[in-house]
Amino acid sequence: MKNKGLTFVEVIVAAGALAIVLGLFTTLLVGNMRQTSVVGGRAQANQLAIFLGRQILEADDRALPPSNSSLSWNYGQLNNSSTGFASLTAEQQFGNIALYRASITNQGVPSWAGSGWQVNQYRIEVCWRSPEGEQCVRQAIIGPSPAQAGSEIVTNIN
């Protein structure tokens, strides 16, 4: 008479198949988590770059380096009340401002600008640490020259 159970070989084959399926699932899950981390970091970095661009357009002297020079904020310095922008609030996960560093480079007067124009081209770079290493987003913006900070020309720009 035959027993109604599984043989040892059948159990080993089933366990092997289950291990393969779980391995594939784990690989997909880890890959998805990494991708989410990269996309979330990039989105927040772009938002910070937009914030810095707005500070340039508003002629905030904290964001306007002299011509052909740069301003930089290392990790944890962007929302520092004395060296950064206290209005940036720290949140959780990707919104944690301490996870980002930034720099603004004044590239001088654009070649297409007329001689009487008081504009400069700025390069904004915001970086963060991702599972693949440090990554950065870069943006360019045209804004007032540092000499225009606080002048009536740029007040109430929005």
Protein backbone atom coordinates (compact mmCIF):
# COMPACT_ATOMS: atom_id res chain seq x y z
CA MET A 1 0.00 0.00 0.00
CA LYS A 2 1.25 3.46 -0.89
CA ASN A 3 1.44 6.29 1.66
CA LYS A 4 -0.31 9.55 0.85
CA GLY A 5 2.67 11.82 1.73
CA LEU A 6 5.40 13.53 -0.27
CA THR A 7 8.69 11.86 -1.01
CA PHE A 8 11.97 13.37 0.07
CA VAL A 9 12.85 14.28 -3.53
CA GLU A 10 9.52 16.09 -3.98
CA VAL A 11 10.12 18.11 -0.81
CA ILE A 12 13.64 19.08 -1.96
CA VAL A 13 12.36 20.13 -5.41
CA ALA A 14 9.54 22.20 -3.86
CA ALA A 15 11.93 23.86 -1.41
CA GLY A 16 14.36 24.68 -4.24
CA ALA A 17 11.60 26.20 -6.37
CA LEU A 18 10.38 28.26 -3.40
CA ALA A 19 13.94 29.47 -2.72
CA ILE A 20 14.32 30.59 -6.35
CA VAL A 21 11.01 32.46 -6.29
CA LEU A 22 11.86 34.16 -2.97
CA GLY A 23 15.33 35.08 -4.28
CA LEU A 24 13.83 36.73 -7.37
CA PHE A 25 11.26 38.57 -5.28
CA THR A 26 13.94 39.84 -2.88
CA THR A 27 16.10 41.03 -5.77
CA LEU A 28 13.18 42.93 -7.28
CA LEU A 29 12.23 44.43 -3.93
CA VAL A 30 15.76 45.65 -3.16
CA GLY A 31 16.10 47.11 -6.67
CA ASN A 32 12.80 48.92 -6.29
CA MET A 33 13.85 50.33 -2.91
CA ARG A 34 17.11 51.63 -4.40
CA GLN A 35 15.26 53.24 -7.30
CA THR A 36 12.81 54.88 -4.92
CA SER A 37 15.72 56.28 -2.92
CA VAL A 38 17.37 57.74 -6.02
CA VAL A 39 14.13 59.24 -7.39
CA GLY A 40 13.13 60.68 -4.00
CA GLY A 41 16.55 62.23 -3.48
CA ARG A 42 16.56 63.71 -6.99
CA ALA A 43 13.08 65.20 -6.54
CA GLN A 44 14.03 66.87 -3.26
CA ALA A 45 17.34 68.09 -4.71
CA ASN A 46 15.45 69.70 -7.61
CA GLN A 47 13.10 71.39 -5.13
CA LEU A 48 16.09 72.77 -3.21
CA ALA A 49 17.63 74.03 -6.46
CA ILE A 50 14.35 75.77 -7.31
CA PHE A 51 14.36 77.35 -3.84
CA LEU A 52 17.92 78.61 -4.36
CA GLY A 53 16.98 79.93 -7.80
CA ARG A 54 14.12 81.85 -6.25
CA GLN A 55 16.52 83.33 -3.70
CA ILE A 56 18.69 84.48 -6.61
CA LEU A 57 15.71 86.03 -8.40
CA GLU A 58 14.71 87.82 -5.19
CA ALA A 59 18.29 89.18 -4.98
CA ASP A 60 18.92 87.60 -1.59
CA ASP A 61 22.56 88.45 -0.92
CA ARG A 62 23.01 85.07 0.82
CA ALA A 63 22.53 83.45 -2.62
CA LEU A 64 24.42 85.94 -4.82
CA PRO A 65 28.15 85.22 -5.00
CA PRO A 66 30.41 87.83 -6.62
CA SER A 67 31.10 87.39 -10.33
CA ASN A 68 33.17 84.29 -11.20
CA SER A 69 33.02 82.89 -7.65
CA SER A 70 30.87 80.45 -5.68
CA LEU A 71 28.93 80.02 -2.47
CA SER A 72 28.67 76.54 -0.94
CA TRP A 73 26.81 74.84 1.84
CA ASN A 74 28.02 71.46 3.02
CA TYR A 75 25.80 68.70 4.40
CA GLY A 76 23.82 70.06 7.34
CA GLN A 77 24.47 73.75 6.57
CA LEU A 78 21.60 74.70 4.24
CA ASN A 79 19.12 75.48 7.01
CA ASN A 80 21.69 76.85 9.45
CA SER A 81 20.40 80.19 10.76
CA SER A 82 23.76 81.94 10.41
CA THR A 83 25.19 80.45 7.18
CA GLY A 84 22.14 79.15 5.34
CA PHE A 85 18.41 79.66 5.02
CA ALA A 86 16.51 79.24 8.28
CA SER A 87 13.23 79.12 6.34
CA LEU A 88 14.14 75.65 5.07
CA THR A 89 12.50 73.21 7.45
CA ALA A 90 13.85 69.77 8.19
CA GLU A 91 11.43 66.95 7.55
CA GLN A 92 11.75 63.19 7.47
CA GLN A 93 13.39 60.95 4.86
CA PHE A 94 14.14 62.83 1.61
CA GLY A 95 12.90 66.10 3.10
CA ASN A 96 15.74 66.13 5.64
CA ILE A 97 17.73 69.18 4.52
CA ALA A 98 20.84 67.90 6.32
CA LEU A 99 21.11 65.17 3.65
CA TYR A 100 21.93 67.71 0.92
CA ARG A 101 24.77 70.03 0.02
CA ALA A 102 24.56 72.87 -2.48
CA SER A 103 26.60 75.43 -4.34
CA ILE A 104 25.82 78.48 -6.45
CA THR A 105 28.40 79.67 -8.97
CA ASN A 106 28.16 83.11 -10.55
CA GLN A 107 29.33 82.59 -14.13
CA GLY A 108 29.30 86.30 -14.91
CA VAL A 109 27.40 88.25 -17.53
CA PRO A 110 26.03 86.02 -20.32
CA SER A 111 27.56 86.59 -23.76
CA TRP A 112 24.19 87.55 -25.24
CA ALA A 113 23.49 90.28 -22.65
CA GLY A 114 23.78 93.90 -23.74
CA SER A 115 26.29 96.22 -22.13
CA GLY A 116 23.70 97.99 -19.99
CA TRP A 117 22.13 94.80 -18.66
CA GLN A 118 22.66 94.08 -14.97
CA VAL A 119 22.24 90.30 -15.15
CA ASN A 120 24.44 87.33 -14.40
CA GLN A 121 24.21 83.63 -15.15
CA TYR A 122 24.24 81.33 -12.13
CA ARG A 123 24.89 77.61 -11.92
CA ILE A 124 23.10 75.81 -9.06
CA GLU A 125 24.22 72.37 -7.95
CA VAL A 126 22.52 70.31 -5.24
CA CYS A 127 23.98 66.93 -4.24
CA TRP A 128 22.88 64.07 -1.99
CA ARG A 129 24.17 60.65 -1.00
CA SER A 130 22.37 57.76 -2.64
CA PRO A 131 23.00 54.00 -2.46
CA GLU A 132 25.11 54.39 -5.64
CA GLY A 133 27.21 57.20 -4.13
CA GLU A 134 26.85 60.96 -4.26
CA GLN A 135 24.58 62.25 -7.03
CA CYS A 136 23.90 65.83 -8.10
CA VAL A 137 21.36 67.86 -10.03
CA ARG A 138 22.42 71.01 -11.82
CA GLN A 139 20.38 73.96 -12.97
CA ALA A 140 21.20 77.29 -14.59
CA ILE A 141 19.37 80.56 -14.06
CA ILE A 142 19.70 84.16 -15.16
CA GLY A 143 19.30 86.63 -12.31
CA PRO A 144 20.32 90.05 -11.09
CA SER A 145 23.96 90.86 -10.62
CA PRO A 146 25.14 90.94 -6.98
CA ALA A 147 25.35 94.74 -7.23
CA GLN A 148 21.56 94.81 -7.63
CA ALA A 149 20.87 93.11 -4.28
CA GLY A 150 18.44 95.24 -2.33
CA SER A 151 17.76 97.67 -5.18
CA GLU A 152 14.29 98.75 -6.24
CA ILE A 153 14.70 96.97 -9.58
CA VAL A 154 14.36 93.53 -8.04
CA THR A 155 12.03 94.16 -5.11
CA ASN A 156 8.53 92.70 -5.43
CA ILE A 157 9.66 90.55 -8.33
CA ASN A 158 6.87 88.03 -7.84
